[in-house]
Structures are given as C-alpha cells and as structure tokens.
C-alpha cells in the first residue's frame, strides 16, 4: 500500500503538527490548504487549493488515507454562511475526491460544538444539540463523511470531536489566557467552576492515530482529557508552573462583559477580547472521552504535563 497521505487543512494549527509527525515517520505528505504553509518541511508537496471545490485537484499515484482538517472554525470571526459553505461543501468535496481516486480511509476532525454548551457531562452517546452555525455545520459534515463510508464496503472512517486543543501555533483560547497571565492578571467573569474540556495537540494526534489503528471500519470519539478541568484548575496550573507573579480576580459577569465590549472597540491589549469569548468562560463544555477511556487511555497530570511541554517547546512564550 502507498505511504502517501493527503492532509486537507495542512497549514492550520493541527495540520501543521500532524505534517511534522508524518514527515518524521517517513511518510510522503501532500499538504493542501487555501493559505500558505506556516513552515516548509523537506519532502512535503504543498498545494494551494480551496477545499470547497476539488474538481480540478489531483495527485500522482495512490493515496493511502486522507486527513480532513480543513474548516472555518474561529468563533466569533466569520459570517454565519461561511461556516456552512466551507465546512459542508468541504466535506462533500473531500469525500467526492476520495471516491473518485479510490482512497478508502478518511480521518475527519469534527468538534465538541455538535453537543452544544451545557453544565451536564456529554459522552459519545449523548445526542448532538448544536447551538452555533459552526456546530451545525460540523454535525452535517459528520453525516456527509458517514454517507461516504456506508456507500461502498471496505472503507474506513475515524471521526474525532476535539475539545479545546492547545499547543504551539494555536493562537486561540489558551494562548489568550497565557497572554493575560504574562501581563500579570486574569479576571474570572462571575465564576471559577466552569468546566472546560481540553487536550494538548500532540496528545490529540496520539489519540487519532490510536483510533485509526483499530480494525473497526468506523470509530467516533471525543478528543479530550478524562479529567473534568475547571477554568480555575487550568488557570492555577498555568500560574503555579509558569506565571507565578500573576494574580486573579473574581468580578461580576456583567462588569466583565461591559469591559469586554469597550475593549473590543479599542482593541486594548491586542489579545482579542470579545464579549462572545467572555461568555465561553462561563458556559461549561463538560465533554468526557468515553471511548478513549474504555480503551485504557490514561493521562495522569494531563494539564500540568502538557503545559510544561508547551512551555519547553515554545521557549516559555506559549505562542
């Protein structure tokens, strides 16, 4: 079988980490993205393409598997229609490309957004109940991939629903937390006990490869640590291990939201403060990785270990 793989979304955060890993394993990689690559690795075939239309896209030779990581995902950040256009058309286009080219394995990154925010714990058996355009688009995209799987025998599909993924190059939630703590403070918006499911990018990739190594033709799993970390536990781990001078404050949510609206207008601190992001800090995403746990996957001291790895790899910058 060919060792060539295609990574759609290869220039993104997770795609970049995956490409490094595949190259280190001696696998031939075709990295496809609408944006230029963040780094250029020897031997990688970098392509610029729009995942919404792959009708003219081609590669030489057989392809053993496809990683479909391409998505519009930043919330807030895009008009509603862009989530549907990119994520659903991308799913249709990637699965059509796979069907046309005889590629029988796809690994697809969905999202825990398909569950919707809730104070109740969610597992893979929990019925999806998305509340955002992103969540709806990912749920529909899951169904597109499953239709591809079920239309022809012999195909293999792995779907992962990642929680908040953090690590080098993330530029998202954890990076913003680290940026605030570098400045010496963090403000809890009305509560500290919000549960925020999360996972380090390299641990997520380990979980993906573990899942796809199984013989089953279809596996769907939540990509998260089994520890149900609260926002306070995450912040405490960051302060204790890396930002000992930072101080925290508990402020009523209404005041924090008012401040966020003002800072959004002023772009103060240049850290992407936005009222919608404040609301994320008070709405739990209590996602449990039931499948990974059933397979004996354990992550002792997960958040502390992951933050140490990230700090070491980034030279303490957490960027």
Protein backbone atom coordinates (compact mmCIF):
# COMPACT_ATOMS: atom_id res chain seq x y z
CA UNK A 1 0.00 0.00 0.00
CA UNK A 2 1.14 3.56 -0.74
CA UNK A 3 2.58 5.59 2.13
CA UNK A 4 1.32 8.82 0.56
CA UNK A 5 -1.28 10.73 2.54
CA UNK A 6 -3.16 13.98 1.95
CA UNK A 7 -3.73 16.50 4.73
CA UNK A 8 -6.51 18.92 3.86
CA UNK A 9 -6.07 21.91 6.14
CA UNK A 10 -2.36 21.19 6.34
CA UNK A 11 -1.42 24.81 7.03
CA UNK A 12 -3.64 25.03 10.10
CA UNK A 13 -2.68 24.54 13.71
CA UNK A 14 -3.40 20.81 13.99
CA UNK A 15 -2.48 20.13 10.36
CA UNK A 16 0.97 21.64 10.83
CA UNK A 17 1.65 19.45 13.86
CA UNK A 18 0.38 16.37 12.00
CA UNK A 19 2.55 17.09 8.96
CA UNK A 20 5.66 17.30 11.14
CA UNK A 21 4.80 13.97 12.69
CA UNK A 22 4.13 12.24 9.37
CA UNK A 23 7.37 13.54 7.85
CA UNK A 24 9.29 12.28 10.89
CA UNK A 25 7.77 8.85 10.25
CA UNK A 26 8.99 8.88 6.63
CA UNK A 27 5.53 9.24 5.12
CA UNK A 28 5.03 11.15 1.88
CA UNK A 29 2.70 14.08 2.56
CA UNK A 30 0.60 16.27 0.29
CA UNK A 31 -0.44 19.29 2.35
CA UNK A 32 -3.43 21.16 0.95
CA UNK A 33 -4.74 24.49 2.19
CA UNK A 34 -6.16 27.77 0.95
CA UNK A 35 -3.42 29.53 2.93
CA UNK A 36 0.36 29.18 2.55
CA UNK A 37 2.11 26.78 4.91
CA UNK A 38 3.41 28.05 8.26
CA UNK A 39 6.70 26.25 7.69
CA UNK A 40 8.29 24.35 4.82
CA UNK A 41 9.37 20.81 5.57
CA UNK A 42 11.57 18.85 3.16
CA UNK A 43 9.73 16.37 1.01
CA UNK A 44 6.24 17.78 1.58
CA UNK A 45 4.20 18.61 -1.52
CA UNK A 46 2.49 21.86 -0.54
CA UNK A 47 -0.57 22.80 -2.59
CA UNK A 48 -2.82 25.86 -2.53
CA UNK A 49 -6.42 24.79 -3.12
CA UNK A 50 -9.94 25.64 -1.98
CA UNK A 51 -11.45 22.65 -0.22
CA UNK A 52 -14.91 23.75 -1.35
CA UNK A 53 -14.07 22.77 -4.93
CA UNK A 54 -11.57 20.00 -5.59
CA UNK A 55 -12.89 19.11 -9.04
CA UNK A 56 -9.57 20.07 -10.66
CA UNK A 57 -7.35 18.87 -7.83
CA UNK A 58 -5.14 15.86 -8.45
CA UNK A 59 -2.15 13.97 -7.09
CA UNK A 60 0.16 11.49 -8.74
CA UNK A 61 0.00 7.91 -7.55
CA UNK A 62 -2.08 6.10 -4.98
CA UNK A 63 -3.09 7.72 -1.70
CA UNK A 64 -3.48 5.53 1.39
CA UNK A 65 -5.54 7.93 3.51
CA UNK A 66 -6.89 11.46 3.84
CA UNK A 67 -6.92 13.68 6.91
CA UNK A 68 -9.70 16.23 6.54
CA UNK A 69 -8.78 19.00 8.96
CA UNK A 70 -9.92 21.88 6.74
CA UNK A 71 -12.56 24.10 8.33
CA UNK A 72 -13.76 27.57 9.15
CA UNK A 73 -13.85 27.36 12.93
CA UNK A 74 -12.99 30.60 14.76
CA UNK A 75 -15.99 31.72 16.81
CA UNK A 76 -16.67 34.62 16.71
CA UNK A 77 -14.91 35.54 13.50
CA UNK A 78 -16.96 34.66 10.42
CA UNK A 79 -20.38 35.38 8.93
CA UNK A 80 -22.81 32.51 9.53
CA UNK A 81 -22.90 31.40 5.90
CA UNK A 82 -19.14 30.84 5.80
CA UNK A 83 -19.29 28.02 8.36
CA UNK A 84 -21.82 26.16 6.23
CA UNK A 85 -20.20 26.91 2.87
CA UNK A 86 -16.69 25.91 3.85
CA UNK A 87 -17.34 23.06 6.25
CA UNK A 88 -20.18 21.29 4.44
CA UNK A 89 -19.00 21.93 0.89
CA UNK A 90 -15.54 20.90 2.05
CA UNK A 91 -16.86 17.61 3.40
CA UNK A 92 -18.73 16.93 0.16
CA UNK A 93 -15.70 17.84 -1.92
CA UNK A 94 -13.19 15.79 0.08
CA UNK A 95 -15.37 12.68 0.14
CA UNK A 96 -16.04 13.06 -3.59
CA UNK A 97 -12.30 13.32 -4.22
CA UNK A 98 -11.73 10.20 -2.13
CA UNK A 99 -14.41 8.30 -4.03
CA UNK A 100 -13.05 9.36 -7.44
CA UNK A 101 -9.49 8.43 -6.53
CA UNK A 102 -10.06 5.18 -4.69
CA UNK A 103 -8.97 6.46 -1.28
CA UNK A 104 -10.61 4.19 1.28
CA UNK A 105 -9.66 5.84 4.58
CA UNK A 106 -10.56 9.29 5.92
CA UNK A 107 -9.82 10.83 9.30
CA UNK A 108 -12.15 13.78 9.98
CA UNK A 109 -11.93 16.37 12.74
CA UNK A 110 -15.40 17.38 13.85
CA UNK A 111 -15.94 19.34 17.09
CA UNK A 112 -17.49 19.14 20.54
CA UNK A 113 -19.61 22.06 19.32
CA UNK A 114 -22.02 19.43 17.98
CA UNK A 115 -23.12 18.85 21.61
CA UNK A 116 -23.79 22.50 22.40
CA UNK A 117 -22.76 24.15 25.69
CA UNK A 118 -24.16 22.55 28.82
CA UNK A 119 -23.47 22.07 32.51
CA UNK A 120 -24.18 18.35 32.04
CA UNK A 121 -21.47 15.89 31.09
CA UNK A 122 -21.58 14.72 27.46
CA UNK A 123 -20.24 11.46 26.05
CA UNK A 124 -20.17 9.99 22.57
CA UNK A 125 -23.62 8.54 23.28
CA UNK A 126 -25.13 11.97 24.02
CA UNK A 127 -27.48 13.14 21.24
CA UNK A 128 -25.98 16.16 19.47
CA UNK A 129 -27.67 19.51 20.12
CA UNK A 130 -25.60 22.23 18.45
CA UNK A 131 -26.43 25.87 19.07
CA UNK A 132 -23.97 27.58 16.73
CA UNK A 133 -23.54 27.69 12.97
CA UNK A 134 -20.15 26.07 13.47
CA UNK A 135 -21.65 23.22 15.50
CA UNK A 136 -24.45 22.62 13.00
CA UNK A 137 -22.02 22.68 10.08
CA UNK A 138 -19.77 20.13 11.76
CA UNK A 139 -22.67 17.80 12.55
CA UNK A 140 -23.84 17.89 8.94
CA UNK A 141 -20.25 17.32 7.80
CA UNK A 142 -20.06 14.23 10.02
CA UNK A 143 -23.11 12.86 8.23
CA UNK A 144 -21.55 13.56 4.84
CA UNK A 145 -18.49 11.53 5.81
CA UNK A 146 -20.64 8.71 7.19
CA UNK A 147 -22.59 8.58 3.94
CA UNK A 148 -19.27 8.18 2.10
CA UNK A 149 -18.32 5.34 4.47
CA UNK A 150 -21.60 3.49 4.08
CA UNK A 151 -21.91 3.81 0.31
CA UNK A 152 -19.13 1.30 -0.50
CA UNK A 153 -17.81 -1.62 1.56
CA UNK A 154 -14.17 -1.70 2.58
CA UNK A 155 -13.92 1.94 3.57
CA UNK A 156 -12.67 3.21 6.94
CA UNK A 157 -13.65 6.39 8.77
CA UNK A 158 -12.38 7.89 12.01
CA UNK A 159 -14.20 10.93 13.38
CA UNK A 160 -12.77 12.83 16.32
CA UNK A 161 -14.67 15.53 18.17
CA UNK A 162 -11.84 17.58 19.71
CA UNK A 163 -12.35 19.73 22.77
CA UNK A 164 -10.29 22.92 23.11
CA UNK A 165 -6.94 21.99 21.56
CA UNK A 166 -3.88 23.88 22.74
CA UNK A 167 -0.20 23.97 21.92
CA UNK A 168 2.36 25.70 19.73
CA UNK A 169 0.82 27.83 16.99
CA UNK A 170 -2.70 27.58 18.39
CA UNK A 171 -3.35 31.32 18.70
CA UNK A 172 -6.66 30.68 20.43
CA UNK A 173 -8.15 30.24 23.88
CA UNK A 174 -5.09 29.01 25.77
CA UNK A 175 -2.80 31.48 24.02
CA UNK A 176 -5.09 34.32 25.10
CA UNK A 177 -5.06 33.01 28.68
CA UNK A 178 -1.26 32.86 28.65
CA UNK A 179 -1.06 36.38 27.19
CA UNK A 180 -3.19 37.76 30.02
CA UNK A 181 -1.17 35.93 32.66
CA UNK A 182 2.06 37.28 31.15
CA UNK A 183 0.60 40.73 31.73
CA UNK A 184 0.12 39.73 35.36
CA UNK A 185 -3.58 39.14 35.78
CA UNK A 186 -6.66 37.11 34.93
CA UNK A 187 -10.26 38.11 35.63
CA UNK A 188 -12.82 35.38 36.27
CA UNK A 189 -16.14 36.56 34.79
CA UNK A 190 -18.53 35.73 37.62
CA UNK A 191 -17.50 32.12 38.24
CA UNK A 192 -14.45 29.88 38.53
CA UNK A 193 -16.02 26.44 38.25
CA UNK A 194 -16.79 26.43 34.52
CA UNK A 195 -15.71 23.04 33.16
CA UNK A 196 -13.61 23.37 30.00
CA UNK A 197 -12.76 20.14 28.21
CA UNK A 198 -9.34 20.38 26.60
CA UNK A 199 -6.40 18.44 25.18
CA UNK A 200 -2.82 19.15 24.11
CA UNK A 201 -2.32 18.96 20.35
CA UNK A 202 0.25 16.15 20.48
CA UNK A 203 -1.98 14.11 22.80
CA UNK A 204 -4.84 14.62 20.35
CA UNK A 205 -2.71 13.35 17.46
CA UNK A 206 -1.68 10.33 19.54
CA UNK A 207 -5.36 9.60 20.18
CA UNK A 208 -6.23 9.94 16.50
CA UNK A 209 -3.51 7.52 15.43
CA UNK A 210 -4.52 5.12 18.20
CA UNK A 211 -8.12 5.17 16.97
CA UNK A 212 -7.31 4.70 13.31
CA UNK A 213 -5.03 1.77 14.16
CA UNK A 214 -8.09 -0.21 15.24
CA UNK A 215 -9.67 -2.71 12.88
CA UNK A 216 -13.19 -1.29 13.10
CA UNK A 217 -14.35 0.47 9.93
CA UNK A 218 -15.91 3.32 11.93
CA UNK A 219 -14.84 4.97 15.17
CA UNK A 220 -16.18 8.21 16.60
CA UNK A 221 -14.61 9.56 19.76
CA UNK A 222 -14.27 12.67 21.87
CA UNK A 223 -10.77 14.12 21.87
CA UNK A 224 -10.41 15.39 25.44
CA UNK A 225 -8.73 14.60 28.71
CA UNK A 226 -10.86 12.50 31.09
CA UNK A 227 -10.16 14.94 33.92
CA UNK A 228 -13.01 17.43 34.02
CA UNK A 229 -10.86 20.51 34.45
CA UNK A 230 -12.45 23.71 35.69
CA UNK A 231 -11.34 27.10 34.48
CA UNK A 232 -9.81 27.71 37.91
CA UNK A 233 -7.79 24.48 37.73
CA UNK A 234 -6.45 25.44 34.30
CA UNK A 235 -5.52 28.95 35.40
CA UNK A 236 -3.96 27.66 38.62
CA UNK A 237 -1.82 25.17 36.68
CA UNK A 238 -0.61 27.95 34.39
CA UNK A 239 0.19 30.28 37.29
CA UNK A 240 1.85 27.67 39.52
CA UNK A 241 4.02 26.28 36.75
CA UNK A 242 4.75 29.27 34.56
CA UNK A 243 3.37 32.65 35.66
CA UNK A 244 3.96 32.84 39.43
CA UNK A 245 3.58 36.64 39.58
CA UNK A 246 0.12 36.68 38.00
CA UNK A 247 -2.90 37.49 40.14
CA UNK A 248 -6.53 36.56 39.66
CA UNK A 249 -9.72 38.46 40.41
CA UNK A 250 -13.35 37.39 40.54
CA UNK A 251 -15.55 40.10 39.01
CA UNK A 252 -19.31 40.02 38.32
CA UNK A 253 -20.04 38.80 34.81
CA UNK A 254 -21.99 41.92 33.87
CA UNK A 255 -18.99 44.13 34.61
CA UNK A 256 -16.62 41.88 32.66
CA UNK A 257 -18.98 41.88 29.66
CA UNK A 258 -19.24 45.66 29.76
CA UNK A 259 -15.47 45.93 29.88
CA UNK A 260 -15.11 43.42 27.03
CA UNK A 261 -17.44 45.47 24.83
CA UNK A 262 -15.33 48.56 25.43
CA UNK A 263 -12.01 46.78 24.96
CA UNK A 264 -13.30 45.19 21.76
CA UNK A 265 -13.88 48.66 20.34
CA UNK A 266 -10.48 49.88 21.48
CA UNK A 267 -8.66 46.62 20.67
CA UNK A 268 -6.95 47.11 24.00
CA UNK A 269 -4.04 44.81 24.88
CA UNK A 270 -4.28 43.27 21.38
CA UNK A 271 -5.44 39.95 22.83
CA UNK A 272 -8.77 39.54 21.07
CA UNK A 273 -11.06 40.38 23.99
CA UNK A 274 -14.65 39.90 22.81
CA UNK A 275 -17.96 39.56 24.68
CA UNK A 276 -18.63 36.21 22.99
CA UNK A 277 -15.32 34.90 24.29
CA UNK A 278 -16.21 36.06 27.78
CA UNK A 279 -19.43 34.04 27.54
CA UNK A 280 -17.39 30.97 26.63
CA UNK A 281 -15.68 31.28 30.01
CA UNK A 282 -18.97 30.99 31.89
CA UNK A 283 -20.54 28.20 29.80
CA UNK A 284 -19.23 24.72 30.51
CA UNK A 285 -18.12 22.25 27.87
CA UNK A 286 -18.17 19.13 30.03
CA UNK A 287 -17.08 16.53 27.48
CA UNK A 288 -15.96 13.08 28.57
CA UNK A 289 -13.82 10.84 26.30
CA UNK A 290 -15.77 7.66 26.88
CA UNK A 291 -14.26 5.70 24.01
CA UNK A 292 -10.65 6.59 24.85
CA UNK A 293 -11.23 5.72 28.50
CA UNK A 294 -12.80 2.38 27.55
CA UNK A 295 -9.63 1.61 25.57
CA UNK A 296 -7.43 2.19 28.61
CA UNK A 297 -6.00 5.54 27.53
CA UNK A 298 -4.83 7.45 30.60
CA UNK A 299 -3.46 10.96 31.01
CA UNK A 300 -2.08 11.42 34.54
CA UNK A 301 -1.36 15.06 35.47
CA UNK A 302 -2.50 15.89 31.97
CA UNK A 303 -2.80 19.67 32.12
CA UNK A 304 0.41 20.18 34.10
CA UNK A 305 2.42 17.86 31.84
CA UNK A 306 1.02 19.39 28.67
CA UNK A 307 1.70 22.96 29.78
CA UNK A 308 5.28 22.02 30.64
CA UNK A 309 5.76 20.50 27.19
CA UNK A 310 4.26 23.54 25.51
CA UNK A 311 6.37 25.91 27.59
CA UNK A 312 9.54 24.00 26.77
CA UNK A 313 8.78 23.78 23.05
CA UNK A 314 7.93 27.49 22.83
CA UNK A 315 10.81 28.71 24.96
CA UNK A 316 8.37 29.92 27.58
CA UNK A 317 6.44 32.09 25.13
CA UNK A 318 3.30 29.92 24.94
CA UNK A 319 2.63 31.16 21.42
